[in-house]
């Protein structure tokens, strides 16, 4: 799907894992693939990972395993964001660091795809 190739984070290996997660959630949406993707991304922007809509990131143990596997990419994405914002990004849910990092980076990845494909 071309929209997934538009992310500024596509150079990170974790983008492949993020793309698999995204694609696995599209069947629950109506329309063609691009319409499904737009609806999914809008739902994520409204509810975030904290809503539980991303089954891969519901349990802390799943987030921990994902974080360990992709630690360098996730830390680099966070650093890019903090450099762009000029301020540290706070863990406002006081969740474990690895859960926070998975949620932060996945949501940012999806937001980036949305802005590059639908705005």
PDB file of N, CA and C in Angstrom:
ATOM      1  N   UNK A   1       0.850  -1.168   0.000  1.00  0.00           N
ATOM      2  CA  UNK A   1       0.000   0.000   0.000  1.00  0.00           C
ATOM      3  C   UNK A   1       0.901   1.238   0.000  1.00  0.00           C
ATOM      4  N   UNK A   2       0.693   2.083  -1.000  1.00  0.00           N
ATOM      5  CA  UNK A   2       1.560   3.247  -1.187  1.00  0.00           C
ATOM      6  C   UNK A   2       1.544   4.233  -0.027  1.00  0.00           C
ATOM      7  N   UNK A   3       0.404   4.391   0.611  1.00  0.00           N
ATOM      8  CA  UNK A   3       0.308   5.355   1.717  1.00  0.00           C
ATOM      9  C   UNK A   3       1.282   5.014   2.832  1.00  0.00           C
ATOM     10  N   UNK A   4       1.519   3.728   3.063  1.00  0.00           N
ATOM     11  CA  UNK A   4       2.432   3.319   4.131  1.00  0.00           C
ATOM     12  C   UNK A   4       3.887   3.645   3.798  1.00  0.00           C
ATOM     13  N   UNK A   5       4.164   3.867   2.530  1.00  0.00           N
ATOM     14  CA  UNK A   5       5.525   4.213   2.107  1.00  0.00           C
ATOM     15  C   UNK A   5       5.815   5.702   2.258  1.00  0.00           C
ATOM     16  N   UNK A   6       4.815   6.484   2.621  1.00  0.00           N
ATOM     17  CA  UNK A   6       4.976   7.935   2.702  1.00  0.00           C
ATOM     18  C   UNK A   6       5.462   8.422   4.053  1.00  0.00           C
ATOM     19  N   UNK A   7       5.648   7.523   4.984  1.00  0.00           N
ATOM     20  CA  UNK A   7       6.076   7.931   6.315  1.00  0.00           C
ATOM     21  C   UNK A   7       7.521   8.409   6.317  1.00  0.00           C
ATOM     22  N   UNK A   8       7.756   9.460   7.064  1.00  0.00           N
ATOM     23  CA  UNK A   8       9.122   9.957   7.240  1.00  0.00           C
ATOM     24  C   UNK A   8       9.964   8.963   8.042  1.00  0.00           C
ATOM     25  N   UNK A   9       9.302   8.004   8.692  1.00  0.00           N
ATOM     26  CA  UNK A   9       9.992   7.024   9.527  1.00  0.00           C
ATOM     27  C   UNK A   9      10.218   5.697   8.803  1.00  0.00           C
ATOM     28  N   UNK A  10       9.997   5.656   7.498  1.00  0.00           N
ATOM     29  CA  UNK A  10      10.107   4.393   6.763  1.00  0.00           C
ATOM     30  C   UNK A  10      11.531   3.830   6.743  1.00  0.00           C
ATOM     31  N   UNK A  11      12.529   4.660   7.032  1.00  0.00           N
ATOM     32  CA  UNK A  11      13.911   4.164   7.039  1.00  0.00           C
ATOM     33  C   UNK A  11      14.195   3.294   8.265  1.00  0.00           C
ATOM     34  N   UNK A  12      13.340   3.390   9.258  1.00  0.00           N
ATOM     35  CA  UNK A  12      13.514   2.562  10.450  1.00  0.00           C
ATOM     36  C   UNK A  12      12.940   1.169  10.208  1.00  0.00           C
ATOM     37  N   UNK A  13      13.665   0.174  10.645  1.00  0.00           N
ATOM     38  CA  UNK A  13      13.216  -1.207  10.480  1.00  0.00           C
ATOM     39  C   UNK A  13      11.877  -1.465  11.179  1.00  0.00           C
ATOM     40  N   UNK A  14      11.630  -0.771  12.281  1.00  0.00           N
ATOM     41  CA  UNK A  14      10.378  -0.946  13.016  1.00  0.00           C
ATOM     42  C   UNK A  14       9.168  -0.579  12.158  1.00  0.00           C
ATOM     43  N   UNK A  15       9.363   0.200  11.110  1.00  0.00           N
ATOM     44  CA  UNK A  15       8.242   0.574  10.242  1.00  0.00           C
ATOM     45  C   UNK A  15       7.597  -0.660   9.617  1.00  0.00           C
ATOM     46  N   UNK A  16       8.380  -1.698   9.337  1.00  0.00           N
ATOM     47  CA  UNK A  16       7.808  -2.937   8.788  1.00  0.00           C
ATOM     48  C   UNK A  16       6.855  -3.575   9.788  1.00  0.00           C
ATOM     49  N   UNK A  17       7.250  -3.614  11.045  1.00  0.00           N
ATOM     50  CA  UNK A  17       6.382  -4.169  12.091  1.00  0.00           C
ATOM     51  C   UNK A  17       5.144  -3.301  12.269  1.00  0.00           C
ATOM     52  N   UNK A  18       5.307  -1.979  12.241  1.00  0.00           N
ATOM     53  CA  UNK A  18       4.165  -1.080  12.352  1.00  0.00           C
ATOM     54  C   UNK A  18       3.196  -1.280  11.184  1.00  0.00           C
ATOM     55  N   UNK A  19       3.741  -1.435   9.980  1.00  0.00           N
ATOM     56  CA  UNK A  19       2.895  -1.646   8.808  1.00  0.00           C
ATOM     57  C   UNK A  19       2.088  -2.941   8.934  1.00  0.00           C
ATOM     58  N   UNK A  20       2.707  -3.988   9.440  1.00  0.00           N
ATOM     59  CA  UNK A  20       1.993  -5.254   9.641  1.00  0.00           C
ATOM     60  C   UNK A  20       0.841  -5.073  10.627  1.00  0.00           C
ATOM     61  N   UNK A  21       1.089  -4.332  11.692  1.00  0.00           N
ATOM     62  CA  UNK A  21       0.041  -4.071  12.684  1.00  0.00           C
ATOM     63  C   UNK A  21      -1.105  -3.298  12.041  1.00  0.00           C
ATOM     64  N   UNK A  22      -0.776  -2.262  11.306  1.00  0.00           N
ATOM     65  CA  UNK A  22      -1.802  -1.453  10.638  1.00  0.00           C
ATOM     66  C   UNK A  22      -2.634  -2.319   9.696  1.00  0.00           C
ATOM     67  N   UNK A  23      -1.969  -3.046   8.826  1.00  0.00           N
ATOM     68  CA  UNK A  23      -2.675  -3.862   7.833  1.00  0.00           C
ATOM     69  C   UNK A  23      -3.555  -4.921   8.480  1.00  0.00           C
ATOM     70  N   UNK A  24      -3.136  -5.435   9.631  1.00  0.00           N
ATOM     71  CA  UNK A  24      -3.923  -6.471  10.301  1.00  0.00           C
ATOM     72  C   UNK A  24      -5.217  -5.919  10.900  1.00  0.00           C
ATOM     73  N   UNK A  25      -5.337  -4.605  11.018  1.00  0.00           N
ATOM     74  CA  UNK A  25      -6.524  -3.986  11.615  1.00  0.00           C
ATOM     75  C   UNK A  25      -7.493  -3.400  10.590  1.00  0.00           C
ATOM     76  N   UNK A  26      -7.158  -3.435   9.315  1.00  0.00           N
ATOM     77  CA  UNK A  26      -7.978  -2.751   8.315  1.00  0.00           C
ATOM     78  C   UNK A  26      -9.259  -3.493   7.946  1.00  0.00           C
ATOM     79  N   UNK A  27      -9.288  -4.802   8.099  1.00  0.00           N
ATOM     80  CA  UNK A  27     -10.457  -5.570   7.668  1.00  0.00           C
ATOM     81  C   UNK A  27     -11.738  -5.174   8.393  1.00  0.00           C
ATOM     82  N   UNK A  28     -11.629  -4.588   9.541  1.00  0.00           N
ATOM     83  CA  UNK A  28     -12.799  -4.166  10.291  1.00  0.00           C
ATOM     84  C   UNK A  28     -13.425  -2.872   9.786  1.00  0.00           C
ATOM     85  N   UNK A  29     -12.869  -2.315   8.730  1.00  0.00           N
ATOM     86  CA  UNK A  29     -13.356  -1.046   8.193  1.00  0.00           C
ATOM     87  C   UNK A  29     -13.921  -1.243   6.793  1.00  0.00           C
ATOM     88  N   UNK A  30     -14.904  -0.414   6.441  1.00  0.00           N
ATOM     89  CA  UNK A  30     -15.548  -0.502   5.130  1.00  0.00           C
ATOM     90  C   UNK A  30     -14.763   0.259   4.076  1.00  0.00           C
ATOM     91  N   UNK A  31     -15.001  -0.109   2.831  1.00  0.00           N
ATOM     92  CA  UNK A  31     -14.416   0.620   1.712  1.00  0.00           C
ATOM     93  C   UNK A  31     -13.180  -0.052   1.157  1.00  0.00           C
ATOM     94  N   UNK A  32     -12.572   0.650   0.230  1.00  0.00           N
ATOM     95  CA  UNK A  32     -11.313   0.184  -0.361  1.00  0.00           C
ATOM     96  C   UNK A  32     -10.197   0.365   0.650  1.00  0.00           C
ATOM     97  N   UNK A  33      -9.040  -0.229   0.342  1.00  0.00           N
ATOM     98  CA  UNK A  33      -7.918  -0.216   1.295  1.00  0.00           C
ATOM     99  C   UNK A  33      -7.566   1.192   1.769  1.00  0.00           C
ATOM    100  N   UNK A  34      -7.510   2.149   0.854  1.00  0.00           N
ATOM    101  CA  UNK A  34      -7.128   3.504   1.252  1.00  0.00           C
ATOM    102  C   UNK A  34      -8.191   4.117   2.173  1.00  0.00           C
ATOM    103  N   UNK A  35      -9.466   3.863   1.897  1.00  0.00           N
ATOM    104  CA  UNK A  35     -10.540   4.355   2.763  1.00  0.00           C
ATOM    105  C   UNK A  35     -10.483   3.669   4.125  1.00  0.00           C
ATOM    106  N   UNK A  36     -10.187   2.380   4.122  1.00  0.00           N
ATOM    107  CA  UNK A  36     -10.042   1.644   5.379  1.00  0.00           C
ATOM    108  C   UNK A  36      -8.902   2.221   6.203  1.00  0.00           C
ATOM    109  N   UNK A  37      -7.784   2.485   5.533  1.00  0.00           N
ATOM    110  CA  UNK A  37      -6.617   3.045   6.218  1.00  0.00           C
ATOM    111  C   UNK A  37      -6.955   4.400   6.829  1.00  0.00           C
ATOM    112  N   UNK A  38      -7.619   5.252   6.067  1.00  0.00           N
ATOM    113  CA  UNK A  38      -7.976   6.579   6.589  1.00  0.00           C
ATOM    114  C   UNK A  38      -8.859   6.447   7.824  1.00  0.00           C
ATOM    115  N   UNK A  39      -9.866   5.586   7.778  1.00  0.00           N
ATOM    116  CA  UNK A  39     -10.758   5.397   8.926  1.00  0.00           C
ATOM    117  C   UNK A  39     -10.001   4.862  10.138  1.00  0.00           C
ATOM    118  N   UNK A  40      -9.118   3.900   9.906  1.00  0.00           N
ATOM    119  CA  UNK A  40      -8.311   3.341  10.996  1.00  0.00           C
ATOM    120  C   UNK A  40      -7.453   4.426  11.634  1.00  0.00           C
ATOM    121  N   UNK A  41      -6.767   5.203  10.812  1.00  0.00           N
ATOM    122  CA  UNK A  41      -5.880   6.251  11.329  1.00  0.00           C
ATOM    123  C   UNK A  41      -6.661   7.317  12.086  1.00  0.00           C
ATOM    124  N   UNK A  42      -7.847   7.646  11.606  1.00  0.00           N
ATOM    125  CA  UNK A  42      -8.682   8.620  12.320  1.00  0.00           C
ATOM    126  C   UNK A  42      -9.131   8.063  13.665  1.00  0.00           C
ATOM    127  N   UNK A  43      -9.519   6.795  13.695  1.00  0.00           N
ATOM    128  CA  UNK A  43      -9.901   6.169  14.973  1.00  0.00           C
ATOM    129  C   UNK A  43      -8.739   6.192  15.955  1.00  0.00           C
ATOM    130  N   UNK A  44      -7.531   5.896  15.461  1.00  0.00           N
ATOM    131  CA  UNK A  44      -6.361   5.889  16.334  1.00  0.00           C
ATOM    132  C   UNK A  44      -6.080   7.290  16.870  1.00  0.00           C
ATOM    133  N   UNK A  45      -6.238   8.294  16.017  1.00  0.00           N
ATOM    134  CA  UNK A  45      -6.019   9.667  16.474  1.00  0.00           C
ATOM    135  C   UNK A  45      -7.035  10.064  17.542  1.00  0.00           C
ATOM    136  N   UNK A  46      -8.233   9.559  17.431  1.00  0.00           N
ATOM    137  CA  UNK A  46      -9.280   9.893  18.408  1.00  0.00           C
ATOM    138  C   UNK A  46      -9.106   9.158  19.732  1.00  0.00           C
ATOM    139  N   UNK A  47      -8.732   7.868  19.669  1.00  0.00           N
ATOM    140  CA  UNK A  47      -8.666   7.071  20.890  1.00  0.00           C
ATOM    141  C   UNK A  47      -7.276   6.762  21.385  1.00  0.00           C
ATOM    142  N   UNK A  48      -6.317   6.715  20.481  1.00  0.00           N
ATOM    143  CA  UNK A  48      -4.949   6.370  20.842  1.00  0.00           C
ATOM    144  C   UNK A  48      -4.808   4.919  21.256  1.00  0.00           C
ATOM    145  N   UNK A  49      -3.593   4.502  21.445  1.00  0.00           N
ATOM    146  CA  UNK A  49      -3.321   3.126  21.875  1.00  0.00           C
ATOM    147  C   UNK A  49      -3.915   2.846  23.247  1.00  0.00           C
ATOM    148  N   UNK A  50      -4.029   3.871  24.070  1.00  0.00           N
ATOM    149  CA  UNK A  50      -4.570   3.693  25.412  1.00  0.00           C
ATOM    150  C   UNK A  50      -6.005   3.168  25.373  1.00  0.00           C
ATOM    151  N   UNK A  51      -6.696   3.364  24.255  1.00  0.00           N
ATOM    152  CA  UNK A  51      -8.076   2.900  24.119  1.00  0.00           C
ATOM    153  C   UNK A  51      -8.168   1.377  24.003  1.00  0.00           C
ATOM    154  N   UNK A  52      -7.050   0.728  23.706  1.00  0.00           N
ATOM    155  CA  UNK A  52      -7.044  -0.722  23.551  1.00  0.00           C
ATOM    156  C   UNK A  52      -7.343  -1.179  22.139  1.00  0.00           C
ATOM    157  N   UNK A  53      -7.430  -0.266  21.183  1.00  0.00           N
ATOM    158  CA  UNK A  53      -7.777  -0.657  19.814  1.00  0.00           C
ATOM    159  C   UNK A  53      -6.643  -1.379  19.088  1.00  0.00           C
ATOM    160  N   UNK A  54      -5.422  -1.280  19.606  1.00  0.00           N
ATOM    161  CA  UNK A  54      -4.286  -1.970  18.992  1.00  0.00           C
ATOM    162  C   UNK A  54      -3.961  -3.183  19.851  1.00  0.00           C
ATOM    163  N   UNK A  55      -4.431  -4.327  19.421  1.00  0.00           N
ATOM    164  CA  UNK A  55      -4.302  -5.549  20.226  1.00  0.00           C
ATOM    165  C   UNK A  55      -2.845  -5.904  20.513  1.00  0.00           C
ATOM    166  N   UNK A  56      -1.948  -5.514  19.641  1.00  0.00           N
ATOM    167  CA  UNK A  56      -0.523  -5.799  19.834  1.00  0.00           C
ATOM    168  C   UNK A  56       0.066  -5.029  21.018  1.00  0.00           C
ATOM    169  N   UNK A  57      -0.595  -3.951  21.421  1.00  0.00           N
ATOM    170  CA  UNK A  57      -0.062  -3.079  22.470  1.00  0.00           C
ATOM    171  C   UNK A  57      -1.000  -2.936  23.669  1.00  0.00           C
ATOM    172  N   UNK A  58      -1.832  -3.947  23.928  1.00  0.00           N
ATOM    173  CA  UNK A  58      -2.726  -3.885  25.091  1.00  0.00           C
ATOM    174  C   UNK A  58      -1.982  -4.300  26.352  1.00  0.00           C
ATOM    175  N   UNK A  59      -1.261  -5.395  26.278  1.00  0.00           N
ATOM    176  CA  UNK A  59      -0.609  -5.947  27.470  1.00  0.00           C
ATOM    177  C   UNK A  59       0.826  -5.442  27.587  1.00  0.00           C
ATOM    178  N   UNK A  60       1.203  -5.097  28.809  1.00  0.00           N
ATOM    179  CA  UNK A  60       2.563  -4.610  29.045  1.00  0.00           C
ATOM    180  C   UNK A  60       3.598  -5.632  28.593  1.00  0.00           C
ATOM    181  N   UNK A  61       3.325  -6.909  28.783  1.00  0.00           N
ATOM    182  CA  UNK A  61       4.291  -7.938  28.387  1.00  0.00           C
ATOM    183  C   UNK A  61       4.513  -7.938  26.874  1.00  0.00           C
ATOM    184  N   UNK A  62       3.462  -7.695  26.090  1.00  0.00           N
ATOM    185  CA  UNK A  62       3.606  -7.611  24.633  1.00  0.00           C
ATOM    186  C   UNK A  62       4.404  -6.366  24.247  1.00  0.00           C
ATOM    187  N   UNK A  63       4.122  -5.269  24.924  1.00  0.00           N
ATOM    188  CA  UNK A  63       4.861  -4.027  24.653  1.00  0.00           C
ATOM    189  C   UNK A  63       6.338  -4.194  25.006  1.00  0.00           C
ATOM    190  N   UNK A  64       6.599  -4.861  26.111  1.00  0.00           N
ATOM    191  CA  UNK A  64       7.988  -5.068  26.537  1.00  0.00           C
ATOM    192  C   UNK A  64       8.752  -5.874  25.503  1.00  0.00           C
ATOM    193  N   UNK A  65       8.163  -6.950  25.001  1.00  0.00           N
ATOM    194  CA  UNK A  65       8.822  -7.779  23.982  1.00  0.00           C
ATOM    195  C   UNK A  65       9.053  -6.978  22.702  1.00  0.00           C
ATOM    196  N   UNK A  66       8.067  -6.189  22.291  1.00  0.00           N
ATOM    197  CA  UNK A  66       8.197  -5.363  21.084  1.00  0.00           C
ATOM    198  C   UNK A  66       9.280  -4.314  21.285  1.00  0.00           C
ATOM    199  N   UNK A  67       9.282  -3.676  22.444  1.00  0.00           N
ATOM    200  CA  UNK A  67      10.276  -2.649  22.756  1.00  0.00           C
ATOM    201  C   UNK A  67      11.688  -3.221  22.724  1.00  0.00           C
ATOM    202  N   UNK A  68      11.873  -4.362  23.340  1.00  0.00           N
ATOM    203  CA  UNK A  68      13.204  -4.980  23.365  1.00  0.00           C
ATOM    204  C   UNK A  68      13.674  -5.301  21.944  1.00  0.00           C
ATOM    205  N   UNK A  69      12.762  -5.786  21.125  1.00  0.00           N
ATOM    206  CA  UNK A  69      13.114  -6.147  19.743  1.00  0.00           C
ATOM    207  C   UNK A  69      13.463  -4.921  18.905  1.00  0.00           C
ATOM    208  N   UNK A  70      12.839  -3.780  19.194  1.00  0.00           N
ATOM    209  CA  UNK A  70      13.000  -2.581  18.354  1.00  0.00           C
ATOM    210  C   UNK A  70      13.528  -1.377  19.137  1.00  0.00           C
ATOM    211  N   UNK A  71      14.240  -1.625  20.204  1.00  0.00           N
ATOM    212  CA  UNK A  71      14.637  -0.566  21.138  1.00  0.00           C
ATOM    213  C   UNK A  71      15.370   0.603  20.467  1.00  0.00           C
ATOM    214  N   UNK A  72      16.317   0.307  19.608  1.00  0.00           N
ATOM    215  CA  UNK A  72      17.097   1.393  18.999  1.00  0.00           C
ATOM    216  C   UNK A  72      16.223   2.295  18.136  1.00  0.00           C
ATOM    217  N   UNK A  73      15.377   1.689  17.295  1.00  0.00           N
ATOM    218  CA  UNK A  73      14.498   2.485  16.434  1.00  0.00           C
ATOM    219  C   UNK A  73      13.522   3.317  17.261  1.00  0.00           C
ATOM    220  N   UNK A  74      12.927   2.714  18.273  1.00  0.00           N
ATOM    221  CA  UNK A  74      11.949   3.429  19.089  1.00  0.00           C
ATOM    222  C   UNK A  74      12.603   4.601  19.820  1.00  0.00           C
ATOM    223  N   UNK A  75      13.794   4.371  20.367  1.00  0.00           N
ATOM    224  CA  UNK A  75      14.507   5.459  21.055  1.00  0.00           C
ATOM    225  C   UNK A  75      14.884   6.565  20.070  1.00  0.00           C
ATOM    226  N   UNK A  76      15.279   6.192  18.852  1.00  0.00           N
ATOM    227  CA  UNK A  76      15.644   7.194  17.845  1.00  0.00           C
ATOM    228  C   UNK A  76      14.432   8.017  17.403  1.00  0.00           C
ATOM    229  N   UNK A  77      13.289   7.367  17.260  1.00  0.00           N
ATOM    230  CA  UNK A  77      12.066   8.091  16.892  1.00  0.00           C
ATOM    231  C   UNK A  77      11.708   9.091  17.992  1.00  0.00           C
ATOM    232  N   UNK A  78      11.793   8.657  19.236  1.00  0.00           N
ATOM    233  CA  UNK A  78      11.496   9.574  20.342  1.00  0.00           C
ATOM    234  C   UNK A  78      12.456  10.759  20.331  1.00  0.00           C
ATOM    235  N   UNK A  79      13.728  10.494  20.094  1.00  0.00           N
ATOM    236  CA  UNK A  79      14.716  11.578  20.052  1.00  0.00           C
ATOM    237  C   UNK A  79      14.399  12.558  18.927  1.00  0.00           C
ATOM    238  N   UNK A  80      14.025  12.044  17.761  1.00  0.00           N
ATOM    239  CA  UNK A  80      13.639  12.914  16.648  1.00  0.00           C
ATOM    240  C   UNK A  80      12.470  13.813  17.034  1.00  0.00           C
ATOM    241  N   UNK A  81      11.480  13.229  17.690  1.00  0.00           N
ATOM    242  CA  UNK A  81      10.310  13.998  18.119  1.00  0.00           C
ATOM    243  C   UNK A  81      10.689  15.070  19.125  1.00  0.00           C
ATOM    244  N   UNK A  82      11.493  14.700  20.108  1.00  0.00           N
ATOM    245  CA  UNK A  82      11.895  15.669  21.132  1.00  0.00           C
ATOM    246  C   UNK A  82      12.737  16.784  20.523  1.00  0.00           C
ATOM    247  N   UNK A  83      13.590  16.448  19.567  1.00  0.00           N
ATOM    248  CA  UNK A  83      14.371  17.478  18.886  1.00  0.00           C
ATOM    249  C   UNK A  83      13.458  18.419  18.102  1.00  0.00           C
ATOM    250  N   UNK A  84      12.452  17.860  17.449  1.00  0.00           N
ATOM    251  CA  UNK A  84      11.514  18.671  16.666  1.00  0.00           C
ATOM    252  C   UNK A  84      10.673  19.580  17.562  1.00  0.00           C
ATOM    253  N   UNK A  85      10.242  19.055  18.714  1.00  0.00           N
ATOM    254  CA  UNK A  85       9.421  19.837  19.643  1.00  0.00           C
ATOM    255  C   UNK A  85      10.248  20.747  20.532  1.00  0.00           C
ATOM    256  N   UNK A  86      11.516  20.404  20.700  1.00  0.00           N
ATOM    257  CA  UNK A  86      12.383  21.190  21.560  1.00  0.00           C
ATOM    258  C   UNK A  86      12.123  20.976  23.040  1.00  0.00           C
ATOM    259  N   UNK A  87      11.481  19.871  23.367  1.00  0.00           N
ATOM    260  CA  UNK A  87      11.151  19.573  24.760  1.00  0.00           C
ATOM    261  C   UNK A  87      10.981  18.064  24.936  1.00  0.00           C
ATOM    262  N   UNK A  88      11.256  17.568  26.134  1.00  0.00           N
ATOM    263  CA  UNK A  88      11.050  16.131  26.373  1.00  0.00           C
ATOM    264  C   UNK A  88       9.567  15.757  26.272  1.00  0.00           C
ATOM    265  N   UNK A  89       9.301  14.548  25.847  1.00  0.00           N
ATOM    266  CA  UNK A  89       7.933  14.050  25.761  1.00  0.00           C
ATOM    267  C   UNK A  89       7.644  13.272  27.029  1.00  0.00           C
ATOM    268  N   UNK A  90       6.594  13.670  27.717  1.00  0.00           N
ATOM    269  CA  UNK A  90       6.258  13.091  29.019  1.00  0.00           C
ATOM    270  C   UNK A  90       5.374  11.855  28.881  1.00  0.00           C
ATOM    271  N   UNK A  91       5.556  10.930  29.772  1.00  0.00           N
ATOM    272  CA  UNK A  91       4.727   9.729  29.868  1.00  0.00           C
ATOM    273  C   UNK A  91       3.510  10.090  30.715  1.00  0.00           C
ATOM    274  N   UNK A  92       2.502  10.648  30.092  1.00  0.00           N
ATOM    275  CA  UNK A  92       1.364  11.202  30.833  1.00  0.00           C
ATOM    276  C   UNK A  92       0.453  10.151  31.445  1.00  0.00           C
ATOM    277  N   UNK A  93       0.568   8.902  31.024  1.00  0.00           N
ATOM    278  CA  UNK A  93      -0.251   7.841  31.610  1.00  0.00           C
ATOM    279  C   UNK A  93       0.487   7.078  32.707  1.00  0.00           C
ATOM    280  N   UNK A  94       1.728   7.463  32.964  1.00  0.00           N
ATOM    281  CA  UNK A  94       2.564   6.778  33.951  1.00  0.00           C
ATOM    282  C   UNK A  94       2.610   5.274  33.712  1.00  0.00           C
ATOM    283  N   UNK A  95       2.579   4.882  32.450  1.00  0.00           N
ATOM    284  CA  UNK A  95       2.686   3.463  32.101  1.00  0.00           C
ATOM    285  C   UNK A  95       4.164   3.071  32.104  1.00  0.00           C
ATOM    286  N   UNK A  96       4.462   1.785  32.098  1.00  0.00           N
ATOM    287  CA  UNK A  96       5.865   1.371  32.013  1.00  0.00           C
ATOM    288  C   UNK A  96       6.532   1.994  30.775  1.00  0.00           C
ATOM    289  N   UNK A  97       7.807   2.262  30.887  1.00  0.00           N
ATOM    290  CA  UNK A  97       8.532   2.941  29.814  1.00  0.00           C
ATOM    291  C   UNK A  97       8.347   2.239  28.468  1.00  0.00           C
ATOM    292  N   UNK A  98       8.440   0.922  28.449  1.00  0.00           N
ATOM    293  CA  UNK A  98       8.337   0.187  27.188  1.00  0.00           C
ATOM    294  C   UNK A  98       6.939   0.310  26.576  1.00  0.00           C
ATOM    295  N   UNK A  99       5.900   0.367  27.393  1.00  0.00           N
ATOM    296  CA  UNK A  99       4.539   0.558  26.874  1.00  0.00           C
ATOM    297  C   UNK A  99       4.400   1.974  26.318  1.00  0.00           C
ATOM    298  N   UNK A 100       4.878   2.942  27.082  1.00  0.00           N
ATOM    299  CA  UNK A 100       4.868   4.338  26.635  1.00  0.00           C
ATOM    300  C   UNK A 100       5.572   4.488  25.295  1.00  0.00           C
ATOM    301  N   UNK A 101       6.717   3.874  25.151  1.00  0.00           N
ATOM    302  CA  UNK A 101       7.487   4.006  23.914  1.00  0.00           C
ATOM    303  C   UNK A 101       6.767   3.372  22.724  1.00  0.00           C
ATOM    304  N   UNK A 102       6.175   2.217  22.923  1.00  0.00           N
ATOM    305  CA  UNK A 102       5.421   1.571  21.839  1.00  0.00           C
ATOM    306  C   UNK A 102       4.255   2.450  21.413  1.00  0.00           C
ATOM    307  N   UNK A 103       3.496   2.945  22.391  1.00  0.00           N
ATOM    308  CA  UNK A 103       2.346   3.793  22.079  1.00  0.00           C
ATOM    309  C   UNK A 103       2.775   5.076  21.390  1.00  0.00           C
ATOM    310  N   UNK A 104       3.764   5.737  21.948  1.00  0.00           N
ATOM    311  CA  UNK A 104       4.246   7.003  21.387  1.00  0.00           C
ATOM    312  C   UNK A 104       4.683   6.837  19.934  1.00  0.00           C
ATOM    313  N   UNK A 105       5.540   5.875  19.698  1.00  0.00           N
ATOM    314  CA  UNK A 105       6.116   5.718  18.360  1.00  0.00           C
ATOM    315  C   UNK A 105       5.089   5.217  17.349  1.00  0.00           C
ATOM    316  N   UNK A 106       4.215   4.302  17.759  1.00  0.00           N
ATOM    317  CA  UNK A 106       3.184   3.821  16.839  1.00  0.00           C
ATOM    318  C   UNK A 106       2.208   4.941  16.490  1.00  0.00           C
ATOM    319  N   UNK A 107       1.782   5.685  17.483  1.00  0.00           N
ATOM    320  CA  UNK A 107       0.862   6.788  17.218  1.00  0.00           C
ATOM    321  C   UNK A 107       1.505   7.846  16.331  1.00  0.00           C
ATOM    322  N   UNK A 108       2.746   8.173  16.568  1.00  0.00           N
ATOM    323  CA  UNK A 108       3.451   9.154  15.736  1.00  0.00           C
ATOM    324  C   UNK A 108       3.601   8.632  14.314  1.00  0.00           C
ATOM    325  N   UNK A 109       3.955   7.365  14.179  1.00  0.00           N
ATOM    326  CA  UNK A 109       4.099   6.751  12.860  1.00  0.00           C
ATOM    327  C   UNK A 109       2.785   6.863  12.089  1.00  0.00           C
ATOM    328  N   UNK A 110       1.690   6.526  12.746  1.00  0.00           N
ATOM    329  CA  UNK A 110       0.370   6.575  12.102  1.00  0.00           C
ATOM    330  C   UNK A 110      -0.048   8.007  11.787  1.00  0.00           C
ATOM    331  N   UNK A 111       0.227   8.924  12.693  1.00  0.00           N
ATOM    332  CA  UNK A 111      -0.088  10.332  12.455  1.00  0.00           C
ATOM    333  C   UNK A 111       0.682  10.849  11.240  1.00  0.00           C
ATOM    334  N   UNK A 112       1.934  10.461  11.126  1.00  0.00           N
ATOM    335  CA  UNK A 112       2.760  10.886  10.001  1.00  0.00           C
ATOM    336  C   UNK A 112       2.194  10.356   8.683  1.00  0.00           C
ATOM    337  N   UNK A 113       1.768   9.111   8.672  1.00  0.00           N
ATOM    338  CA  UNK A 113       1.156   8.552   7.467  1.00  0.00           C
ATOM    339  C   UNK A 113      -0.115   9.331   7.116  1.00  0.00           C
ATOM    340  N   UNK A 114      -0.923   9.605   8.129  1.00  0.00           N
ATOM    341  CA  UNK A 114      -2.177  10.334   7.892  1.00  0.00           C
ATOM    342  C   UNK A 114      -1.902  11.705   7.288  1.00  0.00           C
ATOM    343  N   UNK A 115      -0.989  12.448   7.882  1.00  0.00           N
ATOM    344  CA  UNK A 115      -0.740  13.812   7.390  1.00  0.00           C
ATOM    345  C   UNK A 115      -0.126  13.800   5.987  1.00  0.00           C
ATOM    346  N   UNK A 116       0.682  12.799   5.682  1.00  0.00           N
ATOM    347  CA  UNK A 116       1.295  12.724   4.356  1.00  0.00           C
ATOM    348  C   UNK A 116       0.375  12.155   3.293  1.00  0.00           C
ATOM    349  N   UNK A 117      -0.681  11.456   3.695  1.00  0.00           N
ATOM    350  CA  UNK A 117      -1.554  10.803   2.721  1.00  0.00           C
ATOM    351  C   UNK A 117      -2.937  11.415   2.606  1.00  0.00           C
ATOM    352  N   UNK A 118      -3.420  12.055   3.674  1.00  0.00           N
ATOM    353  CA  UNK A 118      -4.815  12.493   3.682  1.00  0.00           C
ATOM    354  C   UNK A 118      -5.026  13.962   3.989  1.00  0.00           C
ATOM    355  N   UNK A 119      -3.984  14.710   4.260  1.00  0.00           N
ATOM    356  CA  UNK A 119      -4.155  16.152   4.521  1.00  0.00           C
ATOM    357  C   UNK A 119      -3.539  16.969   3.415  1.00  0.00           C
TER     358      UNK A 119
END
